Amino acid sequence: MFRCDDLYREMNYMIEHLSSHLLNNLIFAVTQLQQINAALGSSHSDVQMLVSTAKSVLHIFESVLSQEELPDFYEENLENIT
């Protein structure tokens, strides 16, 4: 593909506005899974939904983290992501 400023502008917009929400969803899903593991009292469907959520968010993060230059948000939050 050819370099396009519109494309970079759209990518930066998504990184700035979507990344924090994705990270919050990942943290929520992992926290809930840890609580379920400690309590051993939730249904299989709850666990399946939380794992699916975490997997989807991590897949999106993987596509961003595989770039040569990481956006600032990801460099600053790399510890939370990993």
PDB file of N, CA and C in Angstrom:
ATOM      1  N   MET A   1       0.836  -1.181   0.000  1.00  0.00           N
ATOM      2  CA  MET A   1       0.000   0.000   0.000  1.00  0.00           C
ATOM      3  C   MET A   1       0.880   1.244   0.000  1.00  0.00           C
ATOM      4  N   PHE A   2       0.352   2.287  -0.494  1.00  0.00           N
ATOM      5  CA  PHE A   2       1.071   3.550  -0.554  1.00  0.00           C
ATOM      6  C   PHE A   2       0.828   4.346   0.724  1.00  0.00           C
ATOM      7  N   ARG A   3       1.794   5.152   1.057  1.00  0.00           N
ATOM      8  CA  ARG A   3       1.662   6.020   2.222  1.00  0.00           C
ATOM      9  C   ARG A   3       0.525   7.003   1.983  1.00  0.00           C
ATOM     10  N   CYS A   4      -0.274   7.175   3.009  1.00  0.00           N
ATOM     11  CA  CYS A   4      -1.421   8.060   2.886  1.00  0.00           C
ATOM     12  C   CYS A   4      -1.623   8.759   4.231  1.00  0.00           C
ATOM     13  N   ASP A   5      -1.595  10.079   4.215  1.00  0.00           N
ATOM     14  CA  ASP A   5      -1.772  10.833   5.459  1.00  0.00           C
ATOM     15  C   ASP A   5      -3.142  10.596   6.074  1.00  0.00           C
ATOM     16  N   ASP A   6      -4.156  10.408   5.242  1.00  0.00           N
ATOM     17  CA  ASP A   6      -5.496  10.131   5.773  1.00  0.00           C
ATOM     18  C   ASP A   6      -5.510   8.822   6.561  1.00  0.00           C
ATOM     19  N   LEU A   7      -4.810   7.833   6.050  1.00  0.00           N
ATOM     20  CA  LEU A   7      -4.740   6.553   6.739  1.00  0.00           C
ATOM     21  C   LEU A   7      -4.055   6.708   8.095  1.00  0.00           C
ATOM     22  N   TYR A   8      -2.929   7.393   8.137  1.00  0.00           N
ATOM     23  CA  TYR A   8      -2.231   7.615   9.403  1.00  0.00           C
ATOM     24  C   TYR A   8      -3.071   8.435  10.370  1.00  0.00           C
ATOM     25  N   ARG A   9      -3.795   9.381   9.872  1.00  0.00           N
ATOM     26  CA  ARG A   9      -4.659  10.199  10.717  1.00  0.00           C
ATOM     27  C   ARG A   9      -5.752   9.322  11.338  1.00  0.00           C
ATOM     28  N   GLU A  10      -6.327   8.435  10.544  1.00  0.00           N
ATOM     29  CA  GLU A  10      -7.357   7.535  11.068  1.00  0.00           C
ATOM     30  C   GLU A  10      -6.775   6.559  12.088  1.00  0.00           C
ATOM     31  N   MET A  11      -5.583   6.048  11.790  1.00  0.00           N
ATOM     32  CA  MET A  11      -4.954   5.115  12.729  1.00  0.00           C
ATOM     33  C   MET A  11      -4.647   5.806  14.059  1.00  0.00           C
ATOM     34  N   ASN A  12      -4.122   7.008  14.000  1.00  0.00           N
ATOM     35  CA  ASN A  12      -3.828   7.746  15.236  1.00  0.00           C
ATOM     36  C   ASN A  12      -5.098   8.056  16.012  1.00  0.00           C
ATOM     37  N   TYR A  13      -6.157   8.374  15.311  1.00  0.00           N
ATOM     38  CA  TYR A  13      -7.441   8.637  15.972  1.00  0.00           C
ATOM     39  C   TYR A  13      -7.892   7.391  16.736  1.00  0.00           C
ATOM     40  N   MET A  14      -7.805   6.240  16.088  1.00  0.00           N
ATOM     41  CA  MET A  14      -8.248   5.002  16.731  1.00  0.00           C
ATOM     42  C   MET A  14      -7.348   4.660  17.926  1.00  0.00           C
ATOM     43  N   ILE A  15      -6.049   4.859  17.768  1.00  0.00           N
ATOM     44  CA  ILE A  15      -5.133   4.567  18.866  1.00  0.00           C
ATOM     45  C   ILE A  15      -5.441   5.465  20.060  1.00  0.00           C
ATOM     46  N   GLU A  16      -5.653   6.736  19.797  1.00  0.00           N
ATOM     47  CA  GLU A  16      -5.911   7.681  20.889  1.00  0.00           C
ATOM     48  C   GLU A  16      -7.246   7.441  21.575  1.00  0.00           C
ATOM     49  N   HIS A  17      -8.278   7.055  20.820  1.00  0.00           N
ATOM     50  CA  HIS A  17      -9.622   6.973  21.387  1.00  0.00           C
ATOM     51  C   HIS A  17     -10.071   5.558  21.752  1.00  0.00           C
ATOM     52  N   LEU A  18      -9.436   4.552  21.192  1.00  0.00           N
ATOM     53  CA  LEU A  18      -9.889   3.191  21.441  1.00  0.00           C
ATOM     54  C   LEU A  18      -8.975   2.432  22.403  1.00  0.00           C
ATOM     55  N   SER A  19      -7.707   2.733  22.385  1.00  0.00           N
ATOM     56  CA  SER A  19      -6.732   1.945  23.142  1.00  0.00           C
ATOM     57  C   SER A  19      -7.001   1.918  24.640  1.00  0.00           C
ATOM     58  N   SER A  20      -7.339   3.053  25.219  1.00  0.00           N
ATOM     59  CA  SER A  20      -7.579   3.069  26.668  1.00  0.00           C
ATOM     60  C   SER A  20      -8.807   2.238  27.032  1.00  0.00           C
ATOM     61  N   HIS A  21      -9.816   2.256  26.188  1.00  0.00           N
ATOM     62  CA  HIS A  21     -11.015   1.434  26.448  1.00  0.00           C
ATOM     63  C   HIS A  21     -10.686  -0.053  26.333  1.00  0.00           C
ATOM     64  N   LEU A  22      -9.862  -0.403  25.347  1.00  0.00           N
ATOM     65  CA  LEU A  22      -9.454  -1.798  25.204  1.00  0.00           C
ATOM     66  C   LEU A  22      -8.644  -2.258  26.408  1.00  0.00           C
ATOM     67  N   LEU A  23      -7.728  -1.415  26.868  1.00  0.00           N
ATOM     68  CA  LEU A  23      -6.923  -1.773  28.034  1.00  0.00           C
ATOM     69  C   LEU A  23      -7.804  -1.934  29.272  1.00  0.00           C
ATOM     70  N   ASN A  24      -8.763  -1.057  29.449  1.00  0.00           N
ATOM     71  CA  ASN A  24      -9.694  -1.184  30.580  1.00  0.00           C
ATOM     72  C   ASN A  24     -10.483  -2.481  30.502  1.00  0.00           C
ATOM     73  N   ASN A  25     -10.921  -2.862  29.299  1.00  0.00           N
ATOM     74  CA  ASN A  25     -11.650  -4.122  29.129  1.00  0.00           C
ATOM     75  C   ASN A  25     -10.764  -5.317  29.445  1.00  0.00           C
ATOM     76  N   LEU A  26      -9.516  -5.260  29.025  1.00  0.00           N
ATOM     77  CA  LEU A  26      -8.586  -6.350  29.317  1.00  0.00           C
ATOM     78  C   LEU A  26      -8.358  -6.480  30.818  1.00  0.00           C
ATOM     79  N   ILE A  27      -8.106  -5.369  31.479  1.00  0.00           N
ATOM     80  CA  ILE A  27      -7.881  -5.389  32.928  1.00  0.00           C
ATOM     81  C   ILE A  27      -9.117  -5.914  33.657  1.00  0.00           C
ATOM     82  N   PHE A  28     -10.303  -5.481  33.224  1.00  0.00           N
ATOM     83  CA  PHE A  28     -11.544  -5.961  33.838  1.00  0.00           C
ATOM     84  C   PHE A  28     -11.696  -7.472  33.657  1.00  0.00           C
ATOM     85  N   ALA A  29     -11.466  -7.956  32.435  1.00  0.00           N
ATOM     86  CA  ALA A  29     -11.627  -9.383  32.166  1.00  0.00           C
ATOM     87  C   ALA A  29     -10.652 -10.212  32.995  1.00  0.00           C
ATOM     88  N   VAL A  30      -9.405  -9.795  33.073  1.00  0.00           N
ATOM     89  CA  VAL A  30      -8.403 -10.539  33.839  1.00  0.00           C
ATOM     90  C   VAL A  30      -8.739 -10.498  35.328  1.00  0.00           C
ATOM     91  N   THR A  31      -9.162  -9.356  35.829  1.00  0.00           N
ATOM     92  CA  THR A  31      -9.536  -9.238  37.236  1.00  0.00           C
ATOM     93  C   THR A  31     -10.713 -10.152  37.564  1.00  0.00           C
ATOM     94  N   GLN A  32     -11.705 -10.160  36.697  1.00  0.00           N
ATOM     95  CA  GLN A  32     -12.876 -11.022  36.914  1.00  0.00           C
ATOM     96  C   GLN A  32     -12.478 -12.496  36.878  1.00  0.00           C
ATOM     97  N   LEU A  33     -11.588 -12.862  35.955  1.00  0.00           N
ATOM     98  CA  LEU A  33     -11.127 -14.248  35.890  1.00  0.00           C
ATOM     99  C   LEU A  33     -10.370 -14.638  37.158  1.00  0.00           C
ATOM    100  N   GLN A  34      -9.586 -13.734  37.696  1.00  0.00           N
ATOM    101  CA  GLN A  34      -8.870 -14.011  38.942  1.00  0.00           C
ATOM    102  C   GLN A  34      -9.849 -14.184  40.098  1.00  0.00           C
ATOM    103  N   GLN A  35     -10.894 -13.373  40.131  1.00  0.00           N
ATOM    104  CA  GLN A  35     -11.897 -13.504  41.187  1.00  0.00           C
ATOM    105  C   GLN A  35     -12.671 -14.807  41.047  1.00  0.00           C
ATOM    106  N   ILE A  36     -12.992 -15.167  39.822  1.00  0.00           N
ATOM    107  CA  ILE A  36     -13.700 -16.433  39.586  1.00  0.00           C
ATOM    108  C   ILE A  36     -12.820 -17.603  40.011  1.00  0.00           C
ATOM    109  N   ASN A  37     -11.546 -17.518  39.685  1.00  0.00           N
ATOM    110  CA  ASN A  37     -10.615 -18.580  40.059  1.00  0.00           C
ATOM    111  C   ASN A  37     -10.529 -18.719  41.578  1.00  0.00           C
ATOM    112  N   ALA A  38     -10.529 -17.602  42.268  1.00  0.00           N
ATOM    113  CA  ALA A  38     -10.451 -17.636  43.732  1.00  0.00           C
ATOM    114  C   ALA A  38     -11.741 -18.159  44.350  1.00  0.00           C
ATOM    115  N   ALA A  39     -12.881 -17.776  43.771  1.00  0.00           N
ATOM    116  CA  ALA A  39     -14.172 -18.152  44.352  1.00  0.00           C
ATOM    117  C   ALA A  39     -14.673 -19.500  43.845  1.00  0.00           C
ATOM    118  N   LEU A  40     -14.286 -19.875  42.646  1.00  0.00           N
ATOM    119  CA  LEU A  40     -14.752 -21.113  42.014  1.00  0.00           C
ATOM    120  C   LEU A  40     -16.275 -21.206  42.011  1.00  0.00           C
ATOM    121  N   GLY A  41     -16.935 -20.074  41.719  1.00  0.00           N
ATOM    122  CA  GLY A  41     -18.376 -20.106  41.788  1.00  0.00           C
ATOM    123  C   GLY A  41     -19.115 -19.561  40.578  1.00  0.00           C
ATOM    124  N   SER A  42     -18.483 -19.397  39.456  1.00  0.00           N
ATOM    125  CA  SER A  42     -19.179 -18.864  38.292  1.00  0.00           C
ATOM    126  C   SER A  42     -19.389 -19.939  37.246  1.00  0.00           C
ATOM    127  N   SER A  43     -20.317 -19.654  36.376  1.00  0.00           N
ATOM    128  CA  SER A  43     -20.662 -20.629  35.357  1.00  0.00           C
ATOM    129  C   SER A  43     -19.611 -20.654  34.247  1.00  0.00           C
ATOM    130  N   HIS A  44     -19.643 -21.714  33.505  1.00  0.00           N
ATOM    131  CA  HIS A  44     -18.720 -21.900  32.381  1.00  0.00           C
ATOM    132  C   HIS A  44     -18.901 -20.802  31.343  1.00  0.00           C
ATOM    133  N   SER A  45     -20.118 -20.341  31.133  1.00  0.00           N
ATOM    134  CA  SER A  45     -20.363 -19.304  30.127  1.00  0.00           C
ATOM    135  C   SER A  45     -19.719 -17.974  30.519  1.00  0.00           C
ATOM    136  N   ASP A  46     -19.687 -17.665  31.821  1.00  0.00           N
ATOM    137  CA  ASP A  46     -19.027 -16.436  32.284  1.00  0.00           C
ATOM    138  C   ASP A  46     -17.535 -16.484  31.995  1.00  0.00           C
ATOM    139  N   VAL A  47     -16.932 -17.616  32.308  1.00  0.00           N
ATOM    140  CA  VAL A  47     -15.500 -17.783  32.069  1.00  0.00           C
ATOM    141  C   VAL A  47     -15.202 -17.718  30.583  1.00  0.00           C
ATOM    142  N   GLN A  48     -16.025 -18.374  29.798  1.00  0.00           N
ATOM    143  CA  GLN A  48     -15.826 -18.394  28.347  1.00  0.00           C
ATOM    144  C   GLN A  48     -15.927 -16.982  27.765  1.00  0.00           C
ATOM    145  N   MET A  49     -16.883 -16.189  28.226  1.00  0.00           N
ATOM    146  CA  MET A  49     -17.040 -14.822  27.728  1.00  0.00           C
ATOM    147  C   MET A  49     -15.848 -13.953  28.110  1.00  0.00           C
ATOM    148  N   LEU A  50     -15.365 -14.066  29.345  1.00  0.00           N
ATOM    149  CA  LEU A  50     -14.227 -13.276  29.799  1.00  0.00           C
ATOM    150  C   LEU A  50     -12.945 -13.659  29.063  1.00  0.00           C
ATOM    151  N   VAL A  51     -12.730 -14.938  28.853  1.00  0.00           N
ATOM    152  CA  VAL A  51     -11.551 -15.388  28.109  1.00  0.00           C
ATOM    153  C   VAL A  51     -11.631 -14.908  26.667  1.00  0.00           C
ATOM    154  N   SER A  52     -12.799 -14.975  26.081  1.00  0.00           N
ATOM    155  CA  SER A  52     -12.987 -14.495  24.713  1.00  0.00           C
ATOM    156  C   SER A  52     -12.711 -12.998  24.601  1.00  0.00           C
ATOM    157  N   THR A  53     -13.163 -12.241  25.592  1.00  0.00           N
ATOM    158  CA  THR A  53     -12.910 -10.795  25.617  1.00  0.00           C
ATOM    159  C   THR A  53     -11.419 -10.511  25.710  1.00  0.00           C
ATOM    160  N   ALA A  54     -10.750 -11.164  26.644  1.00  0.00           N
ATOM    161  CA  ALA A  54      -9.310 -10.954  26.816  1.00  0.00           C
ATOM    162  C   ALA A  54      -8.553 -11.362  25.556  1.00  0.00           C
ATOM    163  N   LYS A  55      -8.937 -12.467  24.962  1.00  0.00           N
ATOM    164  CA  LYS A  55      -8.273 -12.951  23.748  1.00  0.00           C
ATOM    165  C   LYS A  55      -8.444 -11.963  22.598  1.00  0.00           C
ATOM    166  N   SER A  56      -9.628 -11.422  22.442  1.00  0.00           N
ATOM    167  CA  SER A  56      -9.886 -10.457  21.363  1.00  0.00           C
ATOM    168  C   SER A  56      -9.073  -9.179  21.543  1.00  0.00           C
ATOM    169  N   VAL A  57      -9.039  -8.669  22.768  1.00  0.00           N
ATOM    170  CA  VAL A  57      -8.273  -7.449  23.040  1.00  0.00           C
ATOM    171  C   VAL A  57      -6.789  -7.701  22.817  1.00  0.00           C
ATOM    172  N   LEU A  58      -6.291  -8.837  23.280  1.00  0.00           N
ATOM    173  CA  LEU A  58      -4.876  -9.150  23.096  1.00  0.00           C
ATOM    174  C   LEU A  58      -4.522  -9.324  21.619  1.00  0.00           C
ATOM    175  N   HIS A  59      -5.441  -9.837  20.843  1.00  0.00           N
ATOM    176  CA  HIS A  59      -5.211  -9.965  19.405  1.00  0.00           C
ATOM    177  C   HIS A  59      -5.057  -8.585  18.764  1.00  0.00           C
ATOM    178  N   ILE A  60      -5.885  -7.642  19.167  1.00  0.00           N
ATOM    179  CA  ILE A  60      -5.777  -6.268  18.647  1.00  0.00           C
ATOM    180  C   ILE A  60      -4.462  -5.652  19.099  1.00  0.00           C
ATOM    181  N   PHE A  61      -4.112  -5.833  20.374  1.00  0.00           N
ATOM    182  CA  PHE A  61      -2.852  -5.290  20.880  1.00  0.00           C
ATOM    183  C   PHE A  61      -1.658  -5.903  20.151  1.00  0.00           C
ATOM    184  N   GLU A  62      -1.744  -7.190  19.854  1.00  0.00           N
ATOM    185  CA  GLU A  62      -0.649  -7.855  19.150  1.00  0.00           C
ATOM    186  C   GLU A  62      -0.396  -7.216  17.785  1.00  0.00           C
ATOM    187  N   SER A  63      -1.461  -6.870  17.100  1.00  0.00           N
ATOM    188  CA  SER A  63      -1.297  -6.256  15.785  1.00  0.00           C
ATOM    189  C   SER A  63      -0.637  -4.884  15.897  1.00  0.00           C
ATOM    190  N   VAL A  64      -0.904  -4.164  16.979  1.00  0.00           N
ATOM    191  CA  VAL A  64      -0.278  -2.858  17.183  1.00  0.00           C
ATOM    192  C   VAL A  64       1.165  -3.031  17.642  1.00  0.00           C
ATOM    193  N   LEU A  65       1.401  -3.984  18.549  1.00  0.00           N
ATOM    194  CA  LEU A  65       2.730  -4.170  19.113  1.00  0.00           C
ATOM    195  C   LEU A  65       3.722  -4.755  18.113  1.00  0.00           C
ATOM    196  N   SER A  66       3.239  -5.303  17.020  1.00  0.00           N
ATOM    197  CA  SER A  66       4.138  -5.872  16.025  1.00  0.00           C
ATOM    198  C   SER A  66       4.675  -4.812  15.057  1.00  0.00           C
ATOM    199  N   GLN A  67       4.263  -3.583  15.228  1.00  0.00           N
ATOM    200  CA  GLN A  67       4.757  -2.502  14.384  1.00  0.00           C
ATOM    201  C   GLN A  67       6.168  -2.115  14.804  1.00  0.00           C
ATOM    202  N   GLU A  68       6.891  -1.498  13.893  1.00  0.00           N
ATOM    203  CA  GLU A  68       8.253  -1.064  14.204  1.00  0.00           C
ATOM    204  C   GLU A  68       8.274  -0.003  15.285  1.00  0.00           C
ATOM    205  N   GLU A  69       7.422   0.989  15.155  1.00  0.00           N
ATOM    206  CA  GLU A  69       7.367   2.062  16.140  1.00  0.00           C
ATOM    207  C   GLU A  69       6.077   1.941  16.936  1.00  0.00           C
ATOM    208  N   LEU A  70       6.233   1.824  18.240  1.00  0.00           N
ATOM    209  CA  LEU A  70       5.052   1.723  19.094  1.00  0.00           C
ATOM    210  C   LEU A  70       4.477   3.105  19.355  1.00  0.00           C
ATOM    211  N   PRO A  71       3.165   3.224  19.298  1.00  0.00           N
ATOM    212  CA  PRO A  71       2.550   4.482  19.730  1.00  0.00           C
ATOM    213  C   PRO A  71       2.840   4.713  21.211  1.00  0.00           C
ATOM    214  N   ASP A  72       2.870   5.962  21.619  1.00  0.00           N
ATOM    215  CA  ASP A  72       3.205   6.318  23.002  1.00  0.00           C
ATOM    216  C   ASP A  72       2.333   5.602  24.024  1.00  0.00           C
ATOM    217  N   PHE A  73       1.049   5.480  23.733  1.00  0.00           N
ATOM    218  CA  PHE A  73       0.131   4.835  24.678  1.00  0.00           C
ATOM    219  C   PHE A  73       0.614   3.433  25.029  1.00  0.00           C
ATOM    220  N   TYR A  74       1.064   2.691  24.034  1.00  0.00           N
ATOM    221  CA  TYR A  74       1.475   1.306  24.255  1.00  0.00           C
ATOM    222  C   TYR A  74       2.811   1.225  24.978  1.00  0.00           C
ATOM    223  N   GLU A  75       3.715   2.146  24.696  1.00  0.00           N
ATOM    224  CA  GLU A  75       4.980   2.165  25.427  1.00  0.00           C
ATOM    225  C   GLU A  75       4.738   2.471  26.899  1.00  0.00           C
ATOM    226  N   GLU A  76       3.833   3.405  27.173  1.00  0.00           N
ATOM    227  CA  GLU A  76       3.545   3.792  28.549  1.00  0.00           C
ATOM    228  C   GLU A  76       2.789   2.712  29.316  1.00  0.00           C
ATOM    229  N   ASN A  77       2.020   1.891  28.628  1.00  0.00           N
ATOM    230  CA  ASN A  77       1.173   0.892  29.283  1.00  0.00           C
ATOM    231  C   ASN A  77       1.606  -0.539  28.998  1.00  0.00           C
ATOM    232  N   LEU A  78       2.816  -0.722  28.554  1.00  0.00           N
ATOM    233  CA  LEU A  78       3.292  -2.050  28.195  1.00  0.00           C
ATOM    234  C   LEU A  78       3.241  -3.017  29.384  1.00  0.00           C
ATOM    235  N   GLU A  79       3.537  -2.510  30.566  1.00  0.00           N
ATOM    236  CA  GLU A  79       3.490  -3.368  31.758  1.00  0.00           C
ATOM    237  C   GLU A  79       2.071  -3.878  32.011  1.00  0.00           C
ATOM    238  N   ASN A  80       1.069  -3.011  31.873  1.00  0.00           N
ATOM    239  CA  ASN A  80      -0.320  -3.425  32.072  1.00  0.00           C
ATOM    240  C   ASN A  80      -0.770  -4.407  31.007  1.00  0.00           C
ATOM    241  N   ILE A  81      -0.300  -4.209  29.795  1.00  0.00           N
ATOM    242  CA  ILE A  81      -0.704  -5.092  28.696  1.00  0.00           C
ATOM    243  C   ILE A  81      -0.120  -6.485  28.884  1.00  0.00           C
ATOM    244  N   THR A  82       1.143  -6.520  29.300  1.00  0.00           N
ATOM    245  CA  THR A  82       1.784  -7.836  29.465  1.00  0.00           C
ATOM    246  C   THR A  82       1.406  -8.466  30.786  1.00  0.00           C
TER     247      THR A  82
END
